[in-house]
Amino acid sequence: MGSSDRLFNRQRSVHQILGGGLVADVILWRIKNVTVGILVITLFAWIVFERSGYTLLSLTSSVLLLLLGILFLWAKSAALLNRPAPPLPHLYLSEERVNEAALFIRDHINTLLSAFEDIALGRDTELFVKVGAGLLLISIIGGLTDFLTLGYTGLFIVLTVPVLYEKYEEHIDRYAVMTYRKLLDLYLKFDEECISKTRNWIAEKKKLD
């Protein structure tokens, strides 16, 4: 299949697009135990939140309070009984790590801002269609469920859709590209027949005024 027949004209594999590291391996089920573990744990957490009435903030606070209480009592009793303290690693965030995280966040925010600018100024029709369709889908899904369920559903999609896409890549690309081209043709016809005519009518109206 030629590059023009691949979704978004991409040249890289799915694994490379996802970063090619540990995260990509987990998403594409190349470390099955980790992927299954994440799905099971998040499903358990979702059931706990849905059935217990806990919120994320209240549950996190309760768990941290319990953990800190256990560690505090352990450390105090160890000092009294001349026992070793809790085996905690040194909790420290280096400046290098902070700078790396800041650069990563800055790069992605700048990419989003650049894309927003291109859309707002009408420079990229294809990007507008992609972003518009994505936001519409998120809006529809968000109106049908709560944030917690949406978060678990999103994680489930992330851990299932890419691996299914990688498996059936050629078939999906072929049909997706055909559909995208048809939608783009419809948009261009609409732009030519309606938007352009309306724009010309407004320009002529201004000249007459």
C-alpha atoms as a PDB file:
ATOM      1  CA  MET A   1       0.000   0.000   0.000  1.00  0.00           C
ATOM      2  CA  GLY A   2       1.429   3.393  -1.007  1.00  0.00           C
ATOM      3  CA  SER A   3       2.012   6.182   1.455  1.00  0.00           C
ATOM      4  CA  SER A   4      -0.887   8.197  -0.010  1.00  0.00           C
ATOM      5  CA  ASP A   5      -3.247   5.314   0.863  1.00  0.00           C
ATOM      6  CA  ARG A   6      -2.232   5.263   4.519  1.00  0.00           C
ATOM      7  CA  LEU A   7      -4.225   7.074   7.160  1.00  0.00           C
ATOM      8  CA  PHE A   8      -2.987  10.690   7.553  1.00  0.00           C
ATOM      9  CA  ASN A   9      -0.252   9.900   4.936  1.00  0.00           C
ATOM     10  CA  ARG A  10       1.925   8.593   7.763  1.00  0.00           C
ATOM     11  CA  GLN A  11       5.287   6.962   7.126  1.00  0.00           C
ATOM     12  CA  ARG A  12       5.885   5.418  10.568  1.00  0.00           C
ATOM     13  CA  SER A  13       4.482   2.300  12.196  1.00  0.00           C
ATOM     14  CA  VAL A  14       1.909   2.430  15.000  1.00  0.00           C
ATOM     15  CA  HIS A  15       4.597   1.462  17.510  1.00  0.00           C
ATOM     16  CA  GLN A  16       6.837   4.327  16.362  1.00  0.00           C
ATOM     17  CA  ILE A  17       3.957   6.837  16.478  1.00  0.00           C
ATOM     18  CA  LEU A  18       3.269   5.838  20.090  1.00  0.00           C
ATOM     19  CA  GLY A  19       6.877   6.579  21.013  1.00  0.00           C
ATOM     20  CA  GLY A  20       8.461   3.173  20.474  1.00  0.00           C
ATOM     21  CA  GLY A  21       9.195   2.686  24.183  1.00  0.00           C
ATOM     22  CA  LEU A  22       7.635   1.024  27.195  1.00  0.00           C
ATOM     23  CA  VAL A  23       4.338   2.922  26.843  1.00  0.00           C
ATOM     24  CA  ALA A  24       3.979   1.788  23.233  1.00  0.00           C
ATOM     25  CA  ASP A  25       4.721  -1.801  24.254  1.00  0.00           C
ATOM     26  CA  VAL A  26       2.007  -1.653  26.933  1.00  0.00           C
ATOM     27  CA  ILE A  27      -0.591  -0.076  24.629  1.00  0.00           C
ATOM     28  CA  LEU A  28       0.088  -2.626  21.878  1.00  0.00           C
ATOM     29  CA  TRP A  29      -0.055  -5.581  24.307  1.00  0.00           C
ATOM     30  CA  ARG A  30       3.604  -6.511  23.841  1.00  0.00           C
ATOM     31  CA  ILE A  31       3.856  -6.757  27.641  1.00  0.00           C
ATOM     32  CA  LYS A  32       0.531  -8.522  28.156  1.00  0.00           C
ATOM     33  CA  ASN A  33       0.811  -8.952  31.928  1.00  0.00           C
ATOM     34  CA  VAL A  34       1.216  -5.198  32.462  1.00  0.00           C
ATOM     35  CA  THR A  35      -1.603  -4.288  30.071  1.00  0.00           C
ATOM     36  CA  VAL A  36      -4.019  -6.789  31.613  1.00  0.00           C
ATOM     37  CA  GLY A  37      -2.990  -5.630  35.087  1.00  0.00           C
ATOM     38  CA  ILE A  38      -3.751  -2.002  34.226  1.00  0.00           C
ATOM     39  CA  LEU A  39      -7.174  -2.923  32.851  1.00  0.00           C
ATOM     40  CA  VAL A  40      -8.045  -5.073  35.874  1.00  0.00           C
ATOM     41  CA  ILE A  41      -6.865  -2.486  38.418  1.00  0.00           C
ATOM     42  CA  THR A  42      -8.688   0.385  36.725  1.00  0.00           C
ATOM     43  CA  LEU A  43     -11.834  -1.728  36.418  1.00  0.00           C
ATOM     44  CA  PHE A  44     -11.628  -2.527  40.135  1.00  0.00           C
ATOM     45  CA  ALA A  45     -11.106   1.170  40.942  1.00  0.00           C
ATOM     46  CA  TRP A  46     -14.080   2.137  38.775  1.00  0.00           C
ATOM     47  CA  ILE A  47     -16.303  -0.405  40.555  1.00  0.00           C
ATOM     48  CA  VAL A  48     -15.111   0.866  43.962  1.00  0.00           C
ATOM     49  CA  PHE A  49     -15.892   4.474  43.063  1.00  0.00           C
ATOM     50  CA  GLU A  50     -19.268   3.607  41.543  1.00  0.00           C
ATOM     51  CA  ARG A  51     -20.450   1.349  44.389  1.00  0.00           C
ATOM     52  CA  SER A  52     -18.869   2.885  47.494  1.00  0.00           C
ATOM     53  CA  GLY A  53     -19.857   6.490  46.904  1.00  0.00           C
ATOM     54  CA  TYR A  54     -16.271   7.658  47.338  1.00  0.00           C
ATOM     55  CA  THR A  55     -14.947  10.443  45.164  1.00  0.00           C
ATOM     56  CA  LEU A  56     -11.416  10.445  43.824  1.00  0.00           C
ATOM     57  CA  LEU A  57     -10.370  13.190  46.240  1.00  0.00           C
ATOM     58  CA  SER A  58     -11.900  11.557  49.327  1.00  0.00           C
ATOM     59  CA  LEU A  59     -10.498   8.110  48.525  1.00  0.00           C
ATOM     60  CA  THR A  60      -7.027   9.487  47.776  1.00  0.00           C
ATOM     61  CA  SER A  61      -7.037  11.453  51.028  1.00  0.00           C
ATOM     62  CA  SER A  62      -8.162   8.397  53.024  1.00  0.00           C
ATOM     63  CA  VAL A  63      -5.500   6.147  51.476  1.00  0.00           C
ATOM     64  CA  LEU A  64      -2.750   8.727  52.044  1.00  0.00           C
ATOM     65  CA  LEU A  65      -3.887   9.276  55.629  1.00  0.00           C
ATOM     66  CA  LEU A  66      -3.809   5.523  56.300  1.00  0.00           C
ATOM     67  CA  LEU A  67      -0.403   5.129  54.644  1.00  0.00           C
ATOM     68  CA  LEU A  68       1.152   8.064  56.492  1.00  0.00           C
ATOM     69  CA  GLY A  69      -0.319   6.851  59.776  1.00  0.00           C
ATOM     70  CA  ILE A  70       1.159   3.367  59.319  1.00  0.00           C
ATOM     71  CA  LEU A  71       4.579   4.747  58.366  1.00  0.00           C
ATOM     72  CA  PHE A  72       4.572   7.239  61.241  1.00  0.00           C
ATOM     73  CA  LEU A  73       3.677   4.601  63.864  1.00  0.00           C
ATOM     74  CA  TRP A  74       6.181   2.187  62.304  1.00  0.00           C
ATOM     75  CA  ALA A  75       8.982   4.762  62.522  1.00  0.00           C
ATOM     76  CA  LYS A  76       8.120   5.710  66.132  1.00  0.00           C
ATOM     77  CA  SER A  77       7.882   2.094  67.291  1.00  0.00           C
ATOM     78  CA  ALA A  78      11.135   1.245  65.477  1.00  0.00           C
ATOM     79  CA  ALA A  79      12.934   4.051  67.327  1.00  0.00           C
ATOM     80  CA  LEU A  80      11.592   2.827  70.688  1.00  0.00           C
ATOM     81  CA  LEU A  81      12.356  -0.844  70.040  1.00  0.00           C
ATOM     82  CA  ASN A  82      15.672  -0.193  68.300  1.00  0.00           C
ATOM     83  CA  ARG A  83      14.376  -1.654  65.058  1.00  0.00           C
ATOM     84  CA  PRO A  84      15.096  -0.504  61.444  1.00  0.00           C
ATOM     85  CA  ALA A  85      12.995   2.346  60.110  1.00  0.00           C
ATOM     86  CA  PRO A  86      10.528   1.870  57.226  1.00  0.00           C
ATOM     87  CA  PRO A  87      12.442   1.025  54.004  1.00  0.00           C
ATOM     88  CA  LEU A  88      11.554   4.186  52.105  1.00  0.00           C
ATOM     89  CA  PRO A  89      13.602   5.413  49.130  1.00  0.00           C
ATOM     90  CA  HIS A  90      14.920   8.954  49.161  1.00  0.00           C
ATOM     91  CA  LEU A  91      11.984  11.125  48.074  1.00  0.00           C
ATOM     92  CA  TYR A  92      13.484  13.832  45.910  1.00  0.00           C
ATOM     93  CA  LEU A  93      12.632  15.404  42.562  1.00  0.00           C
ATOM     94  CA  SER A  94      15.766  16.527  40.756  1.00  0.00           C
ATOM     95  CA  GLU A  95      15.999  19.781  38.815  1.00  0.00           C
ATOM     96  CA  GLU A  96      16.844  17.782  35.688  1.00  0.00           C
ATOM     97  CA  ARG A  97      13.583  15.835  35.891  1.00  0.00           C
ATOM     98  CA  VAL A  98      11.596  19.022  36.459  1.00  0.00           C
ATOM     99  CA  ASN A  99      13.231  20.677  33.451  1.00  0.00           C
ATOM    100  CA  GLU A 100      12.536  17.634  31.259  1.00  0.00           C
ATOM    101  CA  ALA A 101       8.883  17.616  32.305  1.00  0.00           C
ATOM    102  CA  ALA A 102       8.604  21.367  31.719  1.00  0.00           C
ATOM    103  CA  LEU A 103      10.118  21.065  28.229  1.00  0.00           C
ATOM    104  CA  PHE A 104       7.808  18.174  27.381  1.00  0.00           C
ATOM    105  CA  ILE A 105       4.735  20.122  28.510  1.00  0.00           C
ATOM    106  CA  ARG A 106       5.886  23.299  26.750  1.00  0.00           C
ATOM    107  CA  ASP A 107       6.463  21.508  23.438  1.00  0.00           C
ATOM    108  CA  HIS A 108       3.029  19.903  23.471  1.00  0.00           C
ATOM    109  CA  ILE A 109       1.273  23.120  24.505  1.00  0.00           C
ATOM    110  CA  ASN A 110       3.059  25.026  21.726  1.00  0.00           C
ATOM    111  CA  THR A 111       1.987  22.347  19.242  1.00  0.00           C
ATOM    112  CA  LEU A 112      -1.627  22.705  20.362  1.00  0.00           C
ATOM    113  CA  LEU A 113      -1.463  26.503  20.205  1.00  0.00           C
ATOM    114  CA  SER A 114       0.063  26.364  16.719  1.00  0.00           C
ATOM    115  CA  ALA A 115      -2.703  24.031  15.546  1.00  0.00           C
ATOM    116  CA  PHE A 116      -5.339  26.295  17.097  1.00  0.00           C
ATOM    117  CA  GLU A 117      -3.835  29.305  15.318  1.00  0.00           C
ATOM    118  CA  ASP A 118      -3.844  27.486  11.962  1.00  0.00           C
ATOM    119  CA  ILE A 119      -7.508  26.545  12.424  1.00  0.00           C
ATOM    120  CA  ALA A 120      -8.587  29.971  13.678  1.00  0.00           C
ATOM    121  CA  LEU A 121      -6.930  31.706  10.696  1.00  0.00           C
ATOM    122  CA  GLY A 122      -8.318  29.213   8.180  1.00  0.00           C
ATOM    123  CA  ARG A 123      -4.922  27.911   7.101  1.00  0.00           C
ATOM    124  CA  ASP A 124      -5.608  24.176   7.411  1.00  0.00           C
ATOM    125  CA  THR A 125      -8.986  22.820   6.311  1.00  0.00           C
ATOM    126  CA  GLU A 126      -8.051  19.189   6.912  1.00  0.00           C
ATOM    127  CA  LEU A 127      -6.929  19.907  10.467  1.00  0.00           C
ATOM    128  CA  PHE A 128     -10.172  21.787  11.120  1.00  0.00           C
ATOM    129  CA  VAL A 129     -12.214  18.777   9.973  1.00  0.00           C
ATOM    130  CA  LYS A 130     -10.181  16.366  12.133  1.00  0.00           C
ATOM    131  CA  VAL A 131     -10.292  18.526  15.275  1.00  0.00           C
ATOM    132  CA  GLY A 132     -13.945  19.404  14.773  1.00  0.00           C
ATOM    133  CA  ALA A 133     -14.922  15.750  14.424  1.00  0.00           C
ATOM    134  CA  GLY A 134     -12.894  14.828  17.510  1.00  0.00           C
ATOM    135  CA  LEU A 135     -14.404  17.586  19.663  1.00  0.00           C
ATOM    136  CA  LEU A 136     -17.910  16.717  18.479  1.00  0.00           C
ATOM    137  CA  LEU A 137     -17.354  13.079  19.405  1.00  0.00           C
ATOM    138  CA  ILE A 138     -16.013  14.038  22.849  1.00  0.00           C
ATOM    139  CA  SER A 139     -18.978  16.345  23.402  1.00  0.00           C
ATOM    140  CA  ILE A 140     -21.471  13.617  22.517  1.00  0.00           C
ATOM    141  CA  ILE A 141     -19.766  10.998  24.687  1.00  0.00           C
ATOM    142  CA  GLY A 142     -19.320  13.460  27.581  1.00  0.00           C
ATOM    143  CA  GLY A 143     -23.024  14.204  27.560  1.00  0.00           C
ATOM    144  CA  LEU A 144     -23.875  10.532  27.934  1.00  0.00           C
ATOM    145  CA  THR A 145     -21.722   9.600  30.924  1.00  0.00           C
ATOM    146  CA  ASP A 146     -19.878  10.913  33.991  1.00  0.00           C
ATOM    147  CA  PHE A 147     -16.183  11.832  34.164  1.00  0.00           C
ATOM    148  CA  LEU A 148     -15.085   8.652  35.979  1.00  0.00           C
ATOM    149  CA  THR A 149     -16.788   6.345  33.508  1.00  0.00           C
ATOM    150  CA  LEU A 150     -15.470   8.461  30.650  1.00  0.00           C
ATOM    151  CA  GLY A 151     -11.933   8.158  32.041  1.00  0.00           C
ATOM    152  CA  TYR A 152     -12.119   4.369  32.309  1.00  0.00           C
ATOM    153  CA  THR A 153     -13.712   4.112  28.866  1.00  0.00           C
ATOM    154  CA  GLY A 154     -10.931   6.297  27.461  1.00  0.00           C
ATOM    155  CA  LEU A 155      -8.280   4.059  29.010  1.00  0.00           C
ATOM    156  CA  PHE A 156     -10.034   0.972  27.677  1.00  0.00           C
ATOM    157  CA  ILE A 157     -10.074   2.494  24.191  1.00  0.00           C
ATOM    158  CA  VAL A 158      -6.377   3.428  24.416  1.00  0.00           C
ATOM    159  CA  LEU A 159      -5.494  -0.158  25.364  1.00  0.00           C
ATOM    160  CA  THR A 160      -7.657  -1.827  22.712  1.00  0.00           C
ATOM    161  CA  VAL A 161      -8.063   0.373  19.619  1.00  0.00           C
ATOM    162  CA  PRO A 162      -4.336   0.784  18.734  1.00  0.00           C
ATOM    163  CA  VAL A 163      -3.625  -2.952  18.934  1.00  0.00           C
ATOM    164  CA  LEU A 164      -6.707  -3.754  16.839  1.00  0.00           C
ATOM    165  CA  TYR A 165      -5.702  -1.069  14.354  1.00  0.00           C
ATOM    166  CA  GLU A 166      -2.175  -2.493  14.120  1.00  0.00           C
ATOM    167  CA  LYS A 167      -3.612  -5.944  13.460  1.00  0.00           C
ATOM    168  CA  TYR A 168      -6.058  -4.835  10.739  1.00  0.00           C
ATOM    169  CA  GLU A 169      -4.104  -1.782   9.576  1.00  0.00           C
ATOM    170  CA  GLU A 170      -4.378  -2.243   5.807  1.00  0.00           C
ATOM    171  CA  HIS A 171      -8.150  -2.778   5.776  1.00  0.00           C
ATOM    172  CA  ILE A 172      -8.845   0.113   8.148  1.00  0.00           C
ATOM    173  CA  ASP A 173      -6.555   2.488   6.244  1.00  0.00           C
ATOM    174  CA  ARG A 174      -8.160   1.669   2.929  1.00  0.00           C
ATOM    175  CA  TYR A 175     -11.726   2.307   4.082  1.00  0.00           C
ATOM    176  CA  ALA A 176     -10.796   5.291   6.267  1.00  0.00           C
ATOM    177  CA  VAL A 177      -8.954   7.052   3.434  1.00  0.00           C
ATOM    178  CA  MET A 178     -11.878   6.433   1.042  1.00  0.00           C
ATOM    179  CA  THR A 179     -14.348   7.854   3.573  1.00  0.00           C
ATOM    180  CA  TYR A 180     -12.116  10.833   4.360  1.00  0.00           C
ATOM    181  CA  ARG A 181     -11.717  11.713   0.684  1.00  0.00           C
ATOM    182  CA  LYS A 182     -15.475  11.590   0.141  1.00  0.00           C
ATOM    183  CA  LEU A 183     -16.108  13.823   3.164  1.00  0.00           C
ATOM    184  CA  LEU A 184     -13.427  16.255   2.002  1.00  0.00           C
ATOM    185  CA  ASP A 185     -14.990  16.416  -1.471  1.00  0.00           C
ATOM    186  CA  LEU A 186     -18.377  17.165   0.107  1.00  0.00           C
ATOM    187  CA  TYR A 187     -16.855  19.918   2.214  1.00  0.00           C
ATOM    188  CA  LEU A 188     -15.096  21.481  -0.786  1.00  0.00           C
ATOM    189  CA  LYS A 189     -18.354  21.424  -2.773  1.00  0.00           C
ATOM    190  CA  PHE A 190     -20.192  23.011   0.136  1.00  0.00           C
ATOM    191  CA  ASP A 191     -17.466  25.647   0.443  1.00  0.00           C
ATOM    192  CA  GLU A 192     -17.626  26.411  -3.270  1.00  0.00           C
ATOM    193  CA  GLU A 193     -21.407  26.473  -3.597  1.00  0.00           C
ATOM    194  CA  CYS A 194     -22.441  28.062  -0.308  1.00  0.00           C
ATOM    195  CA  ILE A 195     -19.636  29.681   1.672  1.00  0.00           C
ATOM    196  CA  SER A 196     -17.870  31.262  -1.318  1.00  0.00           C
ATOM    197  CA  LYS A 197     -21.138  32.577  -2.754  1.00  0.00           C
ATOM    198  CA  THR A 198     -22.114  34.020   0.624  1.00  0.00           C
ATOM    199  CA  ARG A 199     -18.683  35.626   0.974  1.00  0.00           C
ATOM    200  CA  ASN A 200     -18.953  37.162  -2.519  1.00  0.00           C
ATOM    201  CA  TRP A 201     -22.484  38.386  -1.797  1.00  0.00           C
ATOM    202  CA  ILE A 202     -21.318  40.097   1.387  1.00  0.00           C
ATOM    203  CA  ALA A 203     -18.397  41.700  -0.478  1.00  0.00           C
ATOM    204  CA  GLU A 204     -20.714  43.022  -3.209  1.00  0.00           C
ATOM    205  CA  LYS A 205     -23.135  44.282  -0.567  1.00  0.00           C
ATOM    206  CA  LYS A 206     -20.349  46.243   1.112  1.00  0.00           C
ATOM    207  CA  LYS A 207     -19.323  47.785  -2.229  1.00  0.00           C
ATOM    208  CA  LEU A 208     -22.878  48.941  -2.892  1.00  0.00           C
ATOM    209  CA  ASP A 209     -23.113  50.452   0.580  1.00  0.00           C
END
